[in-house]
Amino acid sequence: MIEASQRYATWKIGNKICGFENIELLSHLTVQQWLDGIKFLKQKHPTKVQIASIMAPVKKEEWPNLVRTFNNSEVDAFELNFSCPHGMPEKGIGMAIGTSAEISAMITGWVMEVAKKPVFVKLSLNVTNIAEIAKAVEKAGCNGISAINTVQSLMGVDLDTFEPMPNVNGKTTFGGYSGISVKPIGLRCVAQIRQNSGLPILGIGGISNWHDAAEYMTVGADAVQVYTEVMVNGYVSQESKLNILSGFIAFDCFIS
């Protein structure tokens, strides 16, 4: 049985969504279902880039095994999720990895030993010095850096019921905050990484139009990724202003 209760909350000014929080966890799909999906997407969108965003515990056998599984699939690159701020850090996964330069470098090294495709490391902004983590994974051999993941947050509290948002049977957790309001943070992080690294950077965070994308590129991003804008407003209706960003298709896969 799949639990399908609310996992999202929005912050609005008037009718405009300025921030989007998710406390979503992991997919219930099997690895084979992901492999089938990757094949389908590549057949349907042969010119688009698919990036496999993967996450696993800090166990040497887990990361290489997951990479080997997808080495021969149609994915074009790997993205190591060291930065998810909710759901898994308490288990030593996601952001718990990305807050340690030593652990981030160690896992990057494990992956680089077996990866047959470019490897990007997705960094967390929820650290004291993101440039330090970037330099550590660059030294470990990764091919590029993705920045940033979502901001750890608490969206709000219903003052009529005193229940937090998003409300899952009266409870919640600190979630991942995204949307247009995180762009200044993303720009700062990309700029700091660029000042300390020569690796390609995928800029992420609050991009909703070509102007946002251009700003990321002026501070050092080589390409950008768009997620929340497409989730909130859709892809087709926004095609005219997002057409320069249409090259990325990404997914999350996890093996425990």
Protein backbone atom coordinates (compact mmCIF):
# COMPACT_ATOMS: atom_id res chain seq x y z
CA MET A 1 0.00 0.00 0.00
CA ILE A 2 1.33 3.44 -0.94
CA GLU A 3 0.83 6.30 1.51
CA ALA A 4 -0.53 9.19 -0.55
CA SER A 5 -1.26 11.91 2.00
CA GLN A 6 -0.09 15.49 1.50
CA ARG A 7 3.67 16.02 1.23
CA TYR A 8 3.78 19.59 -0.13
CA ALA A 9 3.14 23.13 1.07
CA THR A 10 3.38 26.52 -0.61
CA TRP A 11 4.13 30.05 0.52
CA LYS A 12 2.15 32.63 -1.40
CA ILE A 13 1.99 36.39 -1.65
CA GLY A 14 -1.46 36.98 -3.05
CA ASN A 15 -1.93 34.32 -5.70
CA LYS A 16 1.77 34.04 -6.53
CA ILE A 17 3.68 31.02 -5.26
CA CYS A 18 6.99 32.32 -3.90
CA GLY A 19 8.15 29.17 -2.15
CA PHE A 20 7.44 25.45 -2.35
CA GLU A 21 8.27 22.92 0.35
CA ASN A 22 8.28 19.17 -0.03
CA ILE A 23 8.75 16.43 2.54
CA GLU A 24 8.48 13.72 -0.09
CA LEU A 25 10.50 10.58 0.50
CA LEU A 26 11.69 7.88 -1.88
CA SER A 27 10.09 6.26 -4.88
CA HIS A 28 8.31 2.95 -4.48
CA LEU A 29 9.45 1.88 -7.95
CA THR A 30 11.90 -0.98 -8.32
CA VAL A 31 15.27 -0.54 -10.00
CA GLN A 32 13.96 -2.45 -13.02
CA GLN A 33 11.02 -0.07 -13.30
CA TRP A 34 13.47 2.84 -13.34
CA LEU A 35 15.54 1.13 -16.01
CA ASP A 36 12.41 0.63 -18.11
CA GLY A 37 11.47 4.28 -17.59
CA ILE A 38 14.91 5.48 -18.62
CA LYS A 39 14.71 3.45 -21.81
CA PHE A 40 11.24 4.81 -22.59
CA LEU A 41 12.33 8.42 -22.04
CA LYS A 42 15.38 8.06 -24.24
CA GLN A 43 13.26 6.59 -27.03
CA LYS A 44 10.73 9.42 -26.69
CA HIS A 45 13.32 12.20 -26.22
CA PRO A 46 16.50 10.96 -27.92
CA THR A 47 18.18 14.39 -27.93
CA LYS A 48 17.55 15.13 -24.24
CA VAL A 49 19.98 14.49 -21.41
CA GLN A 50 18.96 12.08 -18.66
CA ILE A 51 20.79 12.43 -15.36
CA ALA A 52 20.43 9.60 -12.85
CA SER A 53 20.25 11.19 -9.41
CA ILE A 54 21.27 8.45 -6.99
CA MET A 55 21.44 8.14 -3.22
CA ALA A 56 22.59 5.36 -0.91
CA PRO A 57 23.92 4.78 2.64
CA VAL A 58 27.58 5.29 3.53
CA LYS A 59 28.50 1.72 2.63
CA LYS A 60 31.15 1.07 0.02
CA GLU A 61 29.27 -1.75 -1.69
CA GLU A 62 26.05 0.28 -2.08
CA TRP A 63 27.28 3.16 -4.25
CA PRO A 64 29.39 1.16 -6.77
CA ASN A 65 26.66 -1.46 -7.13
CA LEU A 66 24.05 1.18 -7.89
CA VAL A 67 26.33 2.85 -10.44
CA ARG A 68 27.14 -0.46 -12.12
CA THR A 69 23.42 -1.14 -12.48
CA PHE A 70 22.91 2.06 -14.48
CA ASN A 71 26.24 2.12 -16.33
CA ASN A 72 24.75 0.22 -19.25
CA SER A 73 21.42 2.05 -19.27
CA GLU A 74 20.50 5.03 -21.44
CA VAL A 75 21.37 7.61 -18.76
CA ASP A 76 23.93 10.18 -19.86
CA ALA A 77 25.41 11.04 -16.46
CA PHE A 78 25.16 10.44 -12.73
CA GLU A 79 24.28 12.95 -10.03
CA LEU A 80 25.28 11.93 -6.50
CA ASN A 81 22.69 13.19 -4.05
CA PHE A 82 24.72 14.28 -1.03
CA SER A 83 22.23 16.99 -0.16
CA CYS A 84 18.59 15.99 0.39
CA PRO A 85 17.64 17.93 3.57
CA HIS A 86 14.71 15.79 4.71
CA GLY A 87 13.62 12.22 5.24
CA MET A 88 17.03 10.58 5.27
CA PRO A 89 19.69 12.70 7.05
CA GLU A 90 18.83 11.05 10.36
CA LYS A 91 19.83 7.76 8.73
CA GLY A 92 23.14 9.14 7.56
CA ILE A 93 21.98 9.68 3.98
CA GLY A 94 21.51 12.77 1.81
CA MET A 95 22.47 16.00 3.57
CA ALA A 96 24.23 14.03 6.30
CA ILE A 97 26.81 13.05 3.67
CA GLY A 98 27.14 16.48 2.11
CA THR A 99 27.94 18.23 5.37
CA SER A 100 31.21 16.28 5.62
CA ALA A 101 34.00 17.00 3.14
CA GLU A 102 35.73 13.76 4.12
CA ILE A 103 32.68 11.51 3.59
CA SER A 104 31.70 13.33 0.39
CA ALA A 105 35.17 12.79 -1.06
CA MET A 106 35.26 9.15 0.03
CA ILE A 107 31.98 8.25 -1.68
CA THR A 108 32.91 10.24 -4.78
CA GLY A 109 36.08 8.17 -5.00
CA TRP A 110 34.10 4.92 -4.73
CA VAL A 111 31.85 5.99 -7.58
CA MET A 112 34.64 7.23 -9.84
CA GLU A 113 36.29 3.81 -9.67
CA VAL A 114 33.37 2.21 -11.52
CA ALA A 115 31.41 4.96 -13.32
CA LYS A 116 31.48 4.85 -17.13
CA LYS A 117 29.67 8.17 -17.50
CA PRO A 118 30.24 11.70 -16.17
CA VAL A 119 29.60 12.13 -12.45
CA PHE A 120 28.21 15.30 -10.91
CA VAL A 121 27.99 15.79 -7.14
CA LYS A 122 24.90 17.62 -5.90
CA LEU A 123 25.90 19.81 -2.97
CA SER A 124 23.91 21.11 -0.02
CA LEU A 125 23.74 24.79 0.87
CA ASN A 126 23.00 23.74 4.47
CA VAL A 127 26.72 23.85 5.33
CA THR A 128 29.14 26.43 6.69
CA ASN A 129 31.38 26.48 3.62
CA ILE A 130 30.07 24.98 0.37
CA ALA A 131 33.35 25.73 -1.41
CA GLU A 132 35.20 23.40 0.98
CA ILE A 133 32.91 20.51 0.02
CA ALA A 134 33.26 21.38 -3.67
CA LYS A 135 37.05 21.28 -3.48
CA ALA A 136 36.94 17.93 -1.67
CA VAL A 137 34.80 16.19 -4.31
CA GLU A 138 36.82 17.78 -7.13
CA LYS A 139 39.99 16.34 -5.62
CA ALA A 140 38.24 12.96 -5.42
CA GLY A 141 37.80 13.03 -9.19
CA CYS A 142 34.20 14.00 -9.98
CA ASN A 143 33.44 15.54 -13.38
CA GLY A 144 31.19 18.35 -12.23
CA ILE A 145 29.09 19.89 -9.48
CA SER A 146 25.35 20.51 -9.12
CA ALA A 147 24.28 23.34 -6.82
CA ILE A 148 22.06 23.69 -4.99
CA ASN A 149 19.59 21.28 -3.46
CA THR A 150 16.61 22.53 -1.50
CA VAL A 151 16.84 24.63 1.67
CA GLN A 152 15.92 22.93 4.93
CA SER A 153 12.78 24.67 6.17
CA LEU A 154 9.52 24.68 8.09
CA MET A 155 6.82 26.18 5.88
CA GLY A 156 4.48 27.41 8.60
CA VAL A 157 1.94 26.70 11.32
CA ASP A 158 -1.86 26.79 11.07
CA LEU A 159 -2.74 29.24 13.83
CA ASP A 160 -6.30 27.91 14.07
CA THR A 161 -5.19 24.35 14.84
CA PHE A 162 -1.51 24.88 15.77
CA GLU A 163 -0.62 22.11 13.35
CA PRO A 164 2.50 22.46 11.19
CA MET A 165 2.46 22.57 7.39
CA PRO A 166 2.42 20.43 5.39
CA ASN A 167 0.16 18.47 7.73
CA VAL A 168 0.39 14.69 7.62
CA ASN A 169 -2.05 13.48 10.25
CA GLY A 170 -1.11 16.39 12.52
CA LYS A 171 2.64 15.96 12.09
CA THR A 172 5.37 17.16 9.75
CA THR A 173 9.15 17.35 9.44
CA PHE A 174 11.66 19.91 8.25
CA GLY A 175 11.37 19.85 4.48
CA GLY A 176 13.12 20.96 1.33
CA TYR A 177 12.29 24.54 0.29
CA SER A 178 12.52 25.58 -3.36
CA GLY A 179 11.03 28.07 -5.79
CA ILE A 180 11.80 31.61 -6.89
CA SER A 181 12.72 32.85 -3.42
CA VAL A 182 15.80 30.61 -3.16
CA LYS A 183 17.50 32.06 -6.26
CA PRO A 184 19.70 34.52 -4.32
CA ILE A 185 21.01 31.63 -2.23
CA GLY A 186 21.68 29.49 -5.29
CA LEU A 187 23.49 32.33 -7.03
CA ARG A 188 25.69 32.88 -3.99
CA CYS A 189 26.59 29.20 -3.77
CA VAL A 190 27.39 28.86 -7.47
CA ALA A 191 29.58 31.98 -7.30
CA GLN A 192 31.47 30.63 -4.28
CA ILE A 193 32.02 27.28 -5.96
CA ARG A 194 33.24 28.94 -9.15
CA GLN A 195 35.74 31.00 -7.17
CA ASN A 196 37.24 27.77 -5.87
CA SER A 197 36.74 25.21 -8.64
CA GLY A 198 37.23 24.88 -12.36
CA LEU A 199 34.73 22.04 -12.76
CA PRO A 200 31.55 22.40 -14.82
CA ILE A 201 28.67 23.60 -12.63
CA LEU A 202 24.96 22.86 -13.05
CA GLY A 203 23.15 25.82 -11.47
CA ILE A 204 19.92 25.05 -9.63
CA GLY A 205 17.49 27.05 -7.51
CA GLY A 206 14.64 29.43 -8.25
CA ILE A 207 15.01 29.49 -12.03
CA SER A 208 11.71 30.42 -13.68
CA ASN A 209 12.72 32.24 -16.88
CA TRP A 210 15.61 32.94 -19.22
CA HIS A 211 16.74 35.92 -17.15
CA ASP A 212 17.25 33.71 -14.08
CA ALA A 213 19.22 31.22 -16.16
CA ALA A 214 21.42 33.98 -17.56
CA GLU A 215 22.15 35.25 -14.05
CA TYR A 216 23.36 31.81 -13.01
CA MET A 217 25.63 31.68 -16.02
CA THR A 218 27.13 35.09 -15.27
CA VAL A 219 28.26 33.86 -11.83
CA GLY A 220 29.80 30.65 -13.15
CA ALA A 221 27.16 28.05 -14.05
CA ASP A 222 27.80 26.17 -17.29
CA ALA A 223 24.21 24.91 -17.52
CA VAL A 224 21.07 25.03 -15.38
CA GLN A 225 18.38 22.66 -14.14
CA VAL A 226 14.71 23.53 -13.58
CA TYR A 227 12.36 21.63 -11.28
CA THR A 228 9.93 23.63 -9.15
CA GLU A 229 8.86 25.99 -11.93
CA VAL A 230 7.81 23.04 -14.08
CA MET A 231 6.03 21.37 -11.14
CA VAL A 232 4.10 24.53 -10.28
CA ASN A 233 3.31 25.89 -13.74
CA GLY A 234 3.82 22.97 -16.09
CA TYR A 235 6.20 22.47 -18.99
CA VAL A 236 4.13 22.94 -22.13
CA SER A 237 2.50 26.19 -21.03
CA GLN A 238 5.90 27.57 -20.10
CA GLU A 239 7.75 26.30 -23.14
CA SER A 240 8.34 29.71 -24.65
CA LYS A 241 10.26 30.95 -21.64
CA LEU A 242 11.90 27.66 -20.63
CA ASN A 243 12.93 26.37 -24.04
CA ILE A 244 16.64 26.99 -23.35
CA LEU A 245 16.36 24.77 -20.27
CA SER A 246 14.68 21.75 -21.80
CA GLY A 247 17.70 19.46 -21.97
CA PHE A 248 17.51 17.85 -18.56
CA ILE A 249 15.41 14.93 -17.39
CA ALA A 250 16.33 13.67 -13.93
CA PHE A 251 15.11 11.14 -11.42
CA ASP A 252 15.94 9.82 -7.97
CA CYS A 253 16.73 6.17 -7.30
CA PHE A 254 17.75 4.65 -3.99
CA ILE A 255 18.78 1.16 -2.90
CA SER A 256 18.95 0.25 0.78
